[in-house]
C-alpha atoms as a PDB file:
ATOM      1  CA  UNK A   1     -16.672 -47.974  -7.667  1.00  0.00           C
ATOM      2  CA  UNK A   2     -15.078 -44.876  -8.789  1.00  0.00           C
ATOM      3  CA  UNK A   3     -14.820 -41.973  -5.939  1.00  0.00           C
ATOM      4  CA  UNK A   4     -15.153 -38.471  -7.361  1.00  0.00           C
ATOM      5  CA  UNK A   5     -13.782 -35.703  -4.677  1.00  0.00           C
ATOM      6  CA  UNK A   6     -13.254 -32.519  -3.899  1.00  0.00           C
ATOM      7  CA  UNK A   7     -13.928 -29.271  -2.067  1.00  0.00           C
ATOM      8  CA  UNK A   8     -17.509 -26.996  -2.207  1.00  0.00           C
ATOM      9  CA  UNK A   9     -18.506 -25.357  -5.154  1.00  0.00           C
ATOM     10  CA  UNK A  10     -15.320 -27.001  -7.289  1.00  0.00           C
ATOM     11  CA  UNK A  11     -17.531 -28.871  -9.891  1.00  0.00           C
ATOM     12  CA  UNK A  12     -17.181 -32.376  -9.025  1.00  0.00           C
ATOM     13  CA  UNK A  13     -20.792 -33.282  -9.067  1.00  0.00           C
ATOM     14  CA  UNK A  14     -20.689 -32.053 -12.894  1.00  0.00           C
ATOM     15  CA  UNK A  15     -18.151 -33.810 -13.730  1.00  0.00           C
ATOM     16  CA  UNK A  16     -19.472 -36.949 -11.947  1.00  0.00           C
ATOM     17  CA  UNK A  17     -22.342 -37.047 -13.939  1.00  0.00           C
ATOM     18  CA  UNK A  18     -20.590 -36.455 -17.376  1.00  0.00           C
ATOM     19  CA  UNK A  19     -18.148 -39.285 -16.359  1.00  0.00           C
ATOM     20  CA  UNK A  20     -21.122 -41.433 -15.364  1.00  0.00           C
ATOM     21  CA  UNK A  21     -22.582 -41.019 -19.232  1.00  0.00           C
ATOM     22  CA  UNK A  22     -19.229 -41.595 -20.789  1.00  0.00           C
ATOM     23  CA  UNK A  23     -18.907 -45.076 -18.407  1.00  0.00           C
ATOM     24  CA  UNK A  24     -22.631 -45.789 -18.838  1.00  0.00           C
ATOM     25  CA  UNK A  25     -22.395 -46.069 -14.799  1.00  0.00           C
ATOM     26  CA  UNK A  26     -24.818 -45.091 -12.012  1.00  0.00           C
ATOM     27  CA  UNK A  27     -24.145 -41.597 -10.095  1.00  0.00           C
ATOM     28  CA  UNK A  28     -24.890 -41.470  -6.217  1.00  0.00           C
ATOM     29  CA  UNK A  29     -24.125 -38.397  -4.057  1.00  0.00           C
ATOM     30  CA  UNK A  30     -22.469 -39.590  -1.024  1.00  0.00           C
ATOM     31  CA  UNK A  31     -24.618 -36.694   1.197  1.00  0.00           C
ATOM     32  CA  UNK A  32     -27.903 -38.077  -0.587  1.00  0.00           C
ATOM     33  CA  UNK A  33     -27.292 -41.523   0.501  1.00  0.00           C
ATOM     34  CA  UNK A  34     -26.481 -40.409   4.336  1.00  0.00           C
ATOM     35  CA  UNK A  35     -30.062 -38.261   4.335  1.00  0.00           C
ATOM     36  CA  UNK A  36     -32.095 -41.310   3.104  1.00  0.00           C
ATOM     37  CA  UNK A  37     -30.449 -43.518   5.720  1.00  0.00           C
ATOM     38  CA  UNK A  38     -30.815 -40.898   8.303  1.00  0.00           C
ATOM     39  CA  UNK A  39     -33.969 -39.755   7.344  1.00  0.00           C
ATOM     40  CA  UNK A  40     -32.955 -36.216   8.291  1.00  0.00           C
ATOM     41  CA  UNK A  41     -32.156 -33.182   6.308  1.00  0.00           C
ATOM     42  CA  UNK A  42     -28.232 -32.124   6.860  1.00  0.00           C
ATOM     43  CA  UNK A  43     -25.717 -30.283   5.534  1.00  0.00           C
ATOM     44  CA  UNK A  44     -23.008 -31.398   2.972  1.00  0.00           C
ATOM     45  CA  UNK A  45     -21.082 -28.368   2.892  1.00  0.00           C
ATOM     46  CA  UNK A  46     -21.726 -26.353   6.376  1.00  0.00           C
ATOM     47  CA  UNK A  47     -20.109 -27.807   9.591  1.00  0.00           C
ATOM     48  CA  UNK A  48     -21.172 -31.002   9.834  1.00  0.00           C
ATOM     49  CA  UNK A  49     -21.959 -32.272  13.774  1.00  0.00           C
ATOM     50  CA  UNK A  50     -21.406 -35.841  13.517  1.00  0.00           C
ATOM     51  CA  UNK A  51     -19.259 -36.545  10.635  1.00  0.00           C
ATOM     52  CA  UNK A  52     -17.996 -40.326  12.128  1.00  0.00           C
ATOM     53  CA  UNK A  53     -22.023 -41.317  12.649  1.00  0.00           C
ATOM     54  CA  UNK A  54     -22.841 -39.837   8.965  1.00  0.00           C
ATOM     55  CA  UNK A  55     -20.055 -41.833   7.205  1.00  0.00           C
ATOM     56  CA  UNK A  56     -21.060 -45.533   8.946  1.00  0.00           C
ATOM     57  CA  UNK A  57     -25.033 -44.244   7.347  1.00  0.00           C
ATOM     58  CA  UNK A  58     -22.825 -44.115   4.426  1.00  0.00           C
ATOM     59  CA  UNK A  59     -21.058 -47.308   4.842  1.00  0.00           C
ATOM     60  CA  UNK A  60     -24.512 -48.928   5.632  1.00  0.00           C
ATOM     61  CA  UNK A  61     -25.822 -47.386   2.369  1.00  0.00           C
ATOM     62  CA  UNK A  62     -23.506 -48.724   0.226  1.00  0.00           C
ATOM     63  CA  UNK A  63     -23.520 -52.123   1.503  1.00  0.00           C
ATOM     64  CA  UNK A  64     -27.283 -52.160   0.201  1.00  0.00           C
ATOM     65  CA  UNK A  65     -25.937 -51.568  -3.197  1.00  0.00           C
ATOM     66  CA  UNK A  66     -26.559 -53.459  -6.042  1.00  0.00           C
ATOM     67  CA  UNK A  67     -24.585 -52.046  -8.769  1.00  0.00           C
ATOM     68  CA  UNK A  68     -21.363 -53.614  -8.991  1.00  0.00           C
ATOM     69  CA  UNK A  69     -19.877 -50.457 -10.477  1.00  0.00           C
ATOM     70  CA  UNK A  70     -21.137 -47.107  -9.673  1.00  0.00           C
ATOM     71  CA  UNK A  71     -19.522 -43.653  -9.335  1.00  0.00           C
ATOM     72  CA  UNK A  72     -19.691 -42.029  -6.231  1.00  0.00           C
ATOM     73  CA  UNK A  73     -19.711 -38.228  -5.418  1.00  0.00           C
ATOM     74  CA  UNK A  74     -18.428 -37.209  -1.596  1.00  0.00           C
ATOM     75  CA  UNK A  75     -15.811 -35.327   0.432  1.00  0.00           C
ATOM     76  CA  UNK A  76     -12.363 -36.836   1.846  1.00  0.00           C
ATOM     77  CA  UNK A  77     -12.616 -33.729   4.449  1.00  0.00           C
ATOM     78  CA  UNK A  78     -15.225 -31.608   5.747  1.00  0.00           C
ATOM     79  CA  UNK A  79     -15.761 -28.613   8.292  1.00  0.00           C
ATOM     80  CA  UNK A  80     -16.373 -29.754  11.960  1.00  0.00           C
ATOM     81  CA  UNK A  81     -18.424 -27.645  14.671  1.00  0.00           C
ATOM     82  CA  UNK A  82     -15.237 -26.196  15.793  1.00  0.00           C
ATOM     83  CA  UNK A  83     -14.868 -24.535  12.158  1.00  0.00           C
ATOM     84  CA  UNK A  84     -11.736 -26.794  11.196  1.00  0.00           C
ATOM     85  CA  UNK A  85     -11.119 -29.035   8.392  1.00  0.00           C
ATOM     86  CA  UNK A  86     -11.493 -32.424   9.267  1.00  0.00           C
ATOM     87  CA  UNK A  87     -10.116 -35.933   7.342  1.00  0.00           C
ATOM     88  CA  UNK A  88     -13.189 -38.665   7.244  1.00  0.00           C
ATOM     89  CA  UNK A  89     -11.264 -41.718   8.888  1.00  0.00           C
ATOM     90  CA  UNK A  90      -9.172 -43.725   6.458  1.00  0.00           C
ATOM     91  CA  UNK A  91     -11.074 -46.532   8.242  1.00  0.00           C
ATOM     92  CA  UNK A  92     -14.292 -45.538   6.197  1.00  0.00           C
ATOM     93  CA  UNK A  93     -12.246 -45.462   2.768  1.00  0.00           C
ATOM     94  CA  UNK A  94     -10.441 -48.764   3.236  1.00  0.00           C
ATOM     95  CA  UNK A  95     -14.145 -50.252   3.850  1.00  0.00           C
ATOM     96  CA  UNK A  96     -15.148 -48.815   0.771  1.00  0.00           C
ATOM     97  CA  UNK A  97     -14.368 -50.789  -2.660  1.00  0.00           C
ATOM     98  CA  UNK A  98     -12.449 -48.192  -4.102  1.00  0.00           C
ATOM     99  CA  UNK A  99     -11.011 -48.678  -8.024  1.00  0.00           C
ATOM    100  CA  UNK A 100      -9.899 -45.252  -7.995  1.00  0.00           C
ATOM    101  CA  UNK A 101      -9.845 -41.926  -7.145  1.00  0.00           C
ATOM    102  CA  UNK A 102     -10.953 -38.579  -8.938  1.00  0.00           C
ATOM    103  CA  UNK A 103      -9.953 -35.082  -7.235  1.00  0.00           C
ATOM    104  CA  UNK A 104     -11.061 -32.404  -8.881  1.00  0.00           C
ATOM    105  CA  UNK A 105      -9.322 -29.081  -8.590  1.00  0.00           C
ATOM    106  CA  UNK A 106     -10.026 -25.513  -9.345  1.00  0.00           C
ATOM    107  CA  UNK A 107      -8.637 -21.953  -8.551  1.00  0.00           C
ATOM    108  CA  UNK A 108     -10.061 -20.769  -5.421  1.00  0.00           C
ATOM    109  CA  UNK A 109     -11.177 -17.322  -6.912  1.00  0.00           C
ATOM    110  CA  UNK A 110     -13.616 -19.449  -8.812  1.00  0.00           C
ATOM    111  CA  UNK A 111     -14.473 -21.453  -6.642  1.00  0.00           C
ATOM    112  CA  UNK A 112     -15.417 -18.654  -4.074  1.00  0.00           C
ATOM    113  CA  UNK A 113     -17.060 -17.360  -7.292  1.00  0.00           C
ATOM    114  CA  UNK A 114     -19.275 -20.418  -7.946  1.00  0.00           C
ATOM    115  CA  UNK A 115     -20.533 -20.928  -3.826  1.00  0.00           C
ATOM    116  CA  UNK A 116     -21.443 -17.295  -4.331  1.00  0.00           C
ATOM    117  CA  UNK A 117     -23.851 -17.858  -7.153  1.00  0.00           C
ATOM    118  CA  UNK A 118     -24.981 -21.233  -5.753  1.00  0.00           C
ATOM    119  CA  UNK A 119     -25.672 -20.516  -1.993  1.00  0.00           C
ATOM    120  CA  UNK A 120     -25.397 -16.706  -2.149  1.00  0.00           C
ATOM    121  CA  UNK A 121     -22.745 -17.231   0.760  1.00  0.00           C
ATOM    122  CA  UNK A 122     -19.044 -15.295   0.075  1.00  0.00           C
ATOM    123  CA  UNK A 123     -16.469 -18.284   1.390  1.00  0.00           C
ATOM    124  CA  UNK A 124     -13.146 -17.069   2.514  1.00  0.00           C
ATOM    125  CA  UNK A 125     -10.887 -17.315  -0.079  1.00  0.00           C
ATOM    126  CA  UNK A 126      -7.994 -17.957   1.943  1.00  0.00           C
ATOM    127  CA  UNK A 127     -10.452 -20.863   3.788  1.00  0.00           C
ATOM    128  CA  UNK A 128     -11.155 -22.493   0.122  1.00  0.00           C
ATOM    129  CA  UNK A 129      -7.354 -22.822  -0.584  1.00  0.00           C
ATOM    130  CA  UNK A 130      -6.406 -24.329   2.883  1.00  0.00           C
ATOM    131  CA  UNK A 131      -9.789 -26.846   2.337  1.00  0.00           C
ATOM    132  CA  UNK A 132      -8.334 -27.553  -1.438  1.00  0.00           C
ATOM    133  CA  UNK A 133      -4.984 -27.888  -0.076  1.00  0.00           C
ATOM    134  CA  UNK A 134      -6.433 -30.319   2.526  1.00  0.00           C
ATOM    135  CA  UNK A 135      -8.412 -32.384   0.444  1.00  0.00           C
ATOM    136  CA  UNK A 136      -5.810 -33.224  -2.220  1.00  0.00           C
ATOM    137  CA  UNK A 137      -3.374 -33.982  -0.051  1.00  0.00           C
ATOM    138  CA  UNK A 138      -5.806 -36.387   1.921  1.00  0.00           C
ATOM    139  CA  UNK A 139      -6.271 -37.832  -1.760  1.00  0.00           C
ATOM    140  CA  UNK A 140      -2.350 -38.228  -2.899  1.00  0.00           C
ATOM    141  CA  UNK A 141      -2.351 -40.193   1.042  1.00  0.00           C
ATOM    142  CA  UNK A 142      -5.462 -42.359   0.029  1.00  0.00           C
ATOM    143  CA  UNK A 143      -4.413 -43.532  -3.174  1.00  0.00           C
ATOM    144  CA  UNK A 144      -0.907 -44.402  -1.994  1.00  0.00           C
ATOM    145  CA  UNK A 145      -1.740 -46.281   1.096  1.00  0.00           C
ATOM    146  CA  UNK A 146      -4.499 -48.294  -0.813  1.00  0.00           C
ATOM    147  CA  UNK A 147      -2.235 -48.359  -3.825  1.00  0.00           C
ATOM    148  CA  UNK A 148      -5.152 -47.070  -6.386  1.00  0.00           C
ATOM    149  CA  UNK A 149      -4.962 -44.874  -9.457  1.00  0.00           C
ATOM    150  CA  UNK A 150      -5.415 -41.038  -8.244  1.00  0.00           C
ATOM    151  CA  UNK A 151      -6.277 -38.673 -11.163  1.00  0.00           C
ATOM    152  CA  UNK A 152      -6.185 -34.587 -11.124  1.00  0.00           C
ATOM    153  CA  UNK A 153      -9.003 -33.209 -12.798  1.00  0.00           C
ATOM    154  CA  UNK A 154      -8.653 -29.685 -13.686  1.00  0.00           C
ATOM    155  CA  UNK A 155     -11.083 -27.628 -15.875  1.00  0.00           C
ATOM    156  CA  UNK A 156     -12.538 -30.863 -16.983  1.00  0.00           C
ATOM    157  CA  UNK A 157      -9.230 -32.501 -18.175  1.00  0.00           C
ATOM    158  CA  UNK A 158      -6.958 -34.700 -16.525  1.00  0.00           C
ATOM    159  CA  UNK A 159      -3.819 -33.380 -15.486  1.00  0.00           C
ATOM    160  CA  UNK A 160      -0.092 -34.038 -13.734  1.00  0.00           C
ATOM    161  CA  UNK A 161      -0.155 -31.410 -11.772  1.00  0.00           C
ATOM    162  CA  UNK A 162      -1.864 -27.307 -10.984  1.00  0.00           C
ATOM    163  CA  UNK A 163       0.062 -24.110 -10.290  1.00  0.00           C
ATOM    164  CA  UNK A 164      -2.288 -22.869  -7.760  1.00  0.00           C
ATOM    165  CA  UNK A 165      -1.693 -26.006  -5.548  1.00  0.00           C
ATOM    166  CA  UNK A 166       1.990 -25.689  -5.608  1.00  0.00           C
ATOM    167  CA  UNK A 167       2.194 -21.932  -4.977  1.00  0.00           C
ATOM    168  CA  UNK A 168       3.777 -20.659  -1.822  1.00  0.00           C
ATOM    169  CA  UNK A 169       3.752 -17.453   0.198  1.00  0.00           C
ATOM    170  CA  UNK A 170       6.306 -15.041   0.548  1.00  0.00           C
ATOM    171  CA  UNK A 171       7.106 -12.749   3.919  1.00  0.00           C
ATOM    172  CA  UNK A 172       7.087  -9.444   2.730  1.00  0.00           C
ATOM    173  CA  UNK A 173       8.696  -6.381   4.911  1.00  0.00           C
ATOM    174  CA  UNK A 174       6.637  -3.324   4.999  1.00  0.00           C
ATOM    175  CA  UNK A 175       6.191   0.040   6.604  1.00  0.00           C
ATOM    176  CA  UNK A 176       4.018  -0.068   9.760  1.00  0.00           C
ATOM    177  CA  UNK A 177       2.015   2.980   8.073  1.00  0.00           C
ATOM    178  CA  UNK A 178       1.573   1.246   4.587  1.00  0.00           C
ATOM    179  CA  UNK A 179       1.028  -2.129   6.584  1.00  0.00           C
ATOM    180  CA  UNK A 180      -2.199  -0.728   8.308  1.00  0.00           C
ATOM    181  CA  UNK A 181      -3.488   0.832   5.155  1.00  0.00           C
ATOM    182  CA  UNK A 182      -3.307  -2.393   3.386  1.00  0.00           C
ATOM    183  CA  UNK A 183      -4.832  -4.097   6.211  1.00  0.00           C
ATOM    184  CA  UNK A 184      -7.827  -1.476   6.340  1.00  0.00           C
ATOM    185  CA  UNK A 185      -8.305  -1.941   2.532  1.00  0.00           C
ATOM    186  CA  UNK A 186      -7.085   1.390   1.599  1.00  0.00           C
ATOM    187  CA  UNK A 187      -3.989   0.358  -0.450  1.00  0.00           C
ATOM    188  CA  UNK A 188      -4.459  -2.676  -2.459  1.00  0.00           C
ATOM    189  CA  UNK A 189      -1.670  -2.301  -4.123  1.00  0.00           C
ATOM    190  CA  UNK A 190       2.092  -3.036  -2.773  1.00  0.00           C
ATOM    191  CA  UNK A 191       4.906  -1.405  -5.098  1.00  0.00           C
ATOM    192  CA  UNK A 192       8.151  -3.099  -5.407  1.00  0.00           C
ATOM    193  CA  UNK A 193      11.073  -2.790  -7.768  1.00  0.00           C
ATOM    194  CA  UNK A 194      10.859  -6.279  -8.387  1.00  0.00           C
ATOM    195  CA  UNK A 195       8.540  -8.984  -7.641  1.00  0.00           C
ATOM    196  CA  UNK A 196       9.536 -13.129  -6.306  1.00  0.00           C
ATOM    197  CA  UNK A 197       9.856 -15.540  -9.460  1.00  0.00           C
ATOM    198  CA  UNK A 198       7.849 -17.701  -8.005  1.00  0.00           C
ATOM    199  CA  UNK A 199       4.617 -18.056  -8.521  1.00  0.00           C
ATOM    200  CA  UNK A 200       2.337 -17.204  -4.778  1.00  0.00           C
ATOM    201  CA  UNK A 201      -0.522 -17.574  -2.688  1.00  0.00           C
ATOM    202  CA  UNK A 202      -0.359 -15.154   0.249  1.00  0.00           C
ATOM    203  CA  UNK A 203       2.133 -12.256   1.548  1.00  0.00           C
ATOM    204  CA  UNK A 204       2.761 -11.971   5.151  1.00  0.00           C
ATOM    205  CA  UNK A 205       2.840  -8.930   6.333  1.00  0.00           C
ATOM    206  CA  UNK A 206       5.894  -8.282   8.396  1.00  0.00           C
ATOM    207  CA  UNK A 207       5.506  -4.674   9.741  1.00  0.00           C
ATOM    208  CA  UNK A 208       9.244  -3.455  10.044  1.00  0.00           C
ATOM    209  CA  UNK A 209      10.518  -1.331  13.349  1.00  0.00           C
ATOM    210  CA  UNK A 210       9.095  -0.372  15.527  1.00  0.00           C
ATOM    211  CA  UNK A 211       6.533  -3.059  15.391  1.00  0.00           C
ATOM    212  CA  UNK A 212       9.190  -5.948  14.264  1.00  0.00           C
ATOM    213  CA  UNK A 213       5.960  -8.478  14.011  1.00  0.00           C
ATOM    214  CA  UNK A 214       3.823 -10.244  11.089  1.00  0.00           C
ATOM    215  CA  UNK A 215       0.602  -8.704  11.519  1.00  0.00           C
ATOM    216  CA  UNK A 216      -1.283 -10.249   9.195  1.00  0.00           C
ATOM    217  CA  UNK A 217      -1.728 -11.772   5.454  1.00  0.00           C
ATOM    218  CA  UNK A 218      -3.353 -10.757   1.777  1.00  0.00           C
ATOM    219  CA  UNK A 219      -3.767 -13.142  -1.152  1.00  0.00           C
ATOM    220  CA  UNK A 220      -2.168 -12.234  -3.859  1.00  0.00           C
ATOM    221  CA  UNK A 221      -4.727 -11.973  -6.775  1.00  0.00           C
ATOM    222  CA  UNK A 222      -2.133 -10.565  -9.602  1.00  0.00           C
ATOM    223  CA  UNK A 223       1.808  -9.667 -10.345  1.00  0.00           C
ATOM    224  CA  UNK A 224       1.697  -6.523 -12.011  1.00  0.00           C
ATOM    225  CA  UNK A 225       5.184  -5.461 -14.095  1.00  0.00           C
ATOM    226  CA  UNK A 226       5.145  -2.659 -17.008  1.00  0.00           C
ATOM    227  CA  UNK A 227       5.811   1.003 -17.704  1.00  0.00           C
ATOM    228  CA  UNK A 228       5.382   3.106 -14.152  1.00  0.00           C
ATOM    229  CA  UNK A 229       3.296   5.773 -15.692  1.00  0.00           C
ATOM    230  CA  UNK A 230       1.127   3.239 -16.937  1.00  0.00           C
ATOM    231  CA  UNK A 231       1.329   1.295 -13.827  1.00  0.00           C
ATOM    232  CA  UNK A 232       0.370   4.680 -11.532  1.00  0.00           C
ATOM    233  CA  UNK A 233      -2.884   4.839 -14.500  1.00  0.00           C
ATOM    234  CA  UNK A 234      -3.978   1.547 -13.672  1.00  0.00           C
ATOM    235  CA  UNK A 235      -3.521   1.153  -9.769  1.00  0.00           C
ATOM    236  CA  UNK A 236      -3.207   5.008  -8.441  1.00  0.00           C
ATOM    237  CA  UNK A 237      -7.141   4.337  -7.053  1.00  0.00           C
ATOM    238  CA  UNK A 238      -5.663   2.074  -4.204  1.00  0.00           C
ATOM    239  CA  UNK A 239      -2.356   3.262  -4.452  1.00  0.00           C
ATOM    240  CA  UNK A 240      -2.168   4.459  -0.807  1.00  0.00           C
ATOM    241  CA  UNK A 241       0.614   6.773  -1.425  1.00  0.00           C
ATOM    242  CA  UNK A 242       1.145  10.173  -3.017  1.00  0.00           C
ATOM    243  CA  UNK A 243       2.629  10.530  -6.674  1.00  0.00           C
ATOM    244  CA  UNK A 244       5.179  12.221  -5.271  1.00  0.00           C
ATOM    245  CA  UNK A 245       6.122   9.320  -3.302  1.00  0.00           C
ATOM    246  CA  UNK A 246       5.332   6.879  -6.091  1.00  0.00           C
ATOM    247  CA  UNK A 247       7.823   9.042  -8.460  1.00  0.00           C
ATOM    248  CA  UNK A 248      10.465   8.793  -5.469  1.00  0.00           C
ATOM    249  CA  UNK A 249      10.643   5.423  -4.997  1.00  0.00           C
ATOM    250  CA  UNK A 250      10.640   4.588  -8.875  1.00  0.00           C
ATOM    251  CA  UNK A 251      12.909   7.932  -9.962  1.00  0.00           C
ATOM    252  CA  UNK A 252      15.698   5.667 -11.749  1.00  0.00           C
ATOM    253  CA  UNK A 253      13.177   2.716 -12.964  1.00  0.00           C
ATOM    254  CA  UNK A 254      11.406   2.739 -16.334  1.00  0.00           C
ATOM    255  CA  UNK A 255       9.840  -0.512 -15.257  1.00  0.00           C
ATOM    256  CA  UNK A 256       7.648  -0.296 -11.936  1.00  0.00           C
ATOM    257  CA  UNK A 257       5.789  -3.687 -10.101  1.00  0.00           C
ATOM    258  CA  UNK A 258       3.429  -4.414  -7.964  1.00  0.00           C
ATOM    259  CA  UNK A 259       1.665  -7.131  -5.947  1.00  0.00           C
ATOM    260  CA  UNK A 260      -2.546  -6.469  -6.288  1.00  0.00           C
ATOM    261  CA  UNK A 261      -4.097  -7.376  -3.268  1.00  0.00           C
ATOM    262  CA  UNK A 262      -7.135  -9.397  -2.686  1.00  0.00           C
ATOM    263  CA  UNK A 263      -8.283 -10.636   0.385  1.00  0.00           C
ATOM    264  CA  UNK A 264      -7.142  -9.232   3.531  1.00  0.00           C
ATOM    265  CA  UNK A 265      -6.714 -11.038   6.945  1.00  0.00           C
ATOM    266  CA  UNK A 266      -5.174  -9.400  10.458  1.00  0.00           C
ATOM    267  CA  UNK A 267      -3.998 -11.401  13.087  1.00  0.00           C
ATOM    268  CA  UNK A 268      -5.384 -11.126  16.738  1.00  0.00           C
ATOM    269  CA  UNK A 269      -2.236 -12.344  17.847  1.00  0.00           C
ATOM    270  CA  UNK A 270       0.996 -10.817  15.817  1.00  0.00           C
ATOM    271  CA  UNK A 271       3.938 -13.665  15.304  1.00  0.00           C
ATOM    272  CA  UNK A 272       7.504 -13.154  15.947  1.00  0.00           C
ATOM    273  CA  UNK A 273       9.696 -14.441  13.233  1.00  0.00           C
ATOM    274  CA  UNK A 274      11.547 -16.331  15.194  1.00  0.00           C
ATOM    275  CA  UNK A 275       8.257 -18.127  17.204  1.00  0.00           C
ATOM    276  CA  UNK A 276       8.473 -19.860  13.180  1.00  0.00           C
ATOM    277  CA  UNK A 277      12.185 -20.233  13.057  1.00  0.00           C
ATOM    278  CA  UNK A 278      13.743 -17.494  10.582  1.00  0.00           C
ATOM    279  CA  UNK A 279      16.431 -15.891  13.144  1.00  0.00           C
ATOM    280  CA  UNK A 280      16.427 -12.455  10.362  1.00  0.00           C
ATOM    281  CA  UNK A 281      14.906  -9.793   9.453  1.00  0.00           C
ATOM    282  CA  UNK A 282      14.425 -10.234   5.098  1.00  0.00           C
ATOM    283  CA  UNK A 283      15.835  -7.251   3.251  1.00  0.00           C
ATOM    284  CA  UNK A 284      13.166  -7.948   0.365  1.00  0.00           C
ATOM    285  CA  UNK A 285      11.172 -11.150   0.904  1.00  0.00           C
ATOM    286  CA  UNK A 286      11.544 -14.907   1.684  1.00  0.00           C
ATOM    287  CA  UNK A 287       9.809 -18.152   0.909  1.00  0.00           C
ATOM    288  CA  UNK A 288       7.989 -19.905   3.323  1.00  0.00           C
ATOM    289  CA  UNK A 289       5.308 -21.956   3.838  1.00  0.00           C
ATOM    290  CA  UNK A 290       1.980 -21.829   5.583  1.00  0.00           C
ATOM    291  CA  UNK A 291       2.461 -19.963   9.359  1.00  0.00           C
ATOM    292  CA  UNK A 292      -1.078 -19.139  10.512  1.00  0.00           C
ATOM    293  CA  UNK A 293      -4.330 -20.832  11.590  1.00  0.00           C
ATOM    294  CA  UNK A 294      -7.620 -19.894  10.277  1.00  0.00           C
ATOM    295  CA  UNK A 295      -9.060 -20.101  13.837  1.00  0.00           C
ATOM    296  CA  UNK A 296      -6.719 -17.494  14.918  1.00  0.00           C
ATOM    297  CA  UNK A 297      -7.734 -14.670  12.420  1.00  0.00           C
ATOM    298  CA  UNK A 298     -10.134 -12.194  12.031  1.00  0.00           C
ATOM    299  CA  UNK A 299     -11.712 -11.855   8.192  1.00  0.00           C
ATOM    300  CA  UNK A 300     -11.766  -8.798   6.710  1.00  0.00           C
ATOM    301  CA  UNK A 301     -12.430  -8.173   2.524  1.00  0.00           C
ATOM    302  CA  UNK A 302     -10.598  -5.855   1.266  1.00  0.00           C
ATOM    303  CA  UNK A 303     -12.466  -6.137  -2.317  1.00  0.00           C
ATOM    304  CA  UNK A 304     -15.031  -4.020  -0.650  1.00  0.00           C
END
């Protein structure tokens, strides 16, 4: 059995059916098999109420398979009723006769757009990224544990790695007045004389004195670097600052830079630097991993 996995809306079903045609194998959907066994309607992408029970039904359905070789379209992780990402038990996959795993990945922005068009639902962009990271990490774990091949599929092609799965985050010090404008959606560009060199997913907003706390996070849509007059013309609508302030900041610069901000989240509880092991205030920025828990955040879409 070939297992095709990936988050909701990533395009795994389309890929799985194409692979079936190529390999002349039968196609099965894990969610459809569970529905047939349960004789009731369940959701395969919203909050799953009985993850463990459903997977036992899946194993029962697979045990009745007459096909020796087939392709199964399913998930490695699901969202439970507490809105948290939960890995399906390793024992379930161990009981399956999996020969190889295909993990389908895509840029979170594309997945969000696909889910909006398909289901008329707007998924939190940061949650999509976290979900995909967890699905990918578990795929790596399962493949290593069971000593089977793992194939990463991006844009219908097998790849060795994907940049958006390897992006990091930064903590960026910002004056409180501008931090608030970012979190309110008024300011969608954070101007800098230089940008970080690595590709990043998120900026954690460290509001400087007198706040001195990380008060939220923003998704980085793009990094811009160009002639300062051209950058102002392209970004002034959501600059969040005056042209006079902009000119003063870039007075001795020919080139200006900015992070273009997408989705915004304000933390219910601000985070102190020392609580995450950072004993100093960054002067420009510092690279970090994930520091927030999606269950402690208040979503706010700054694209509106």
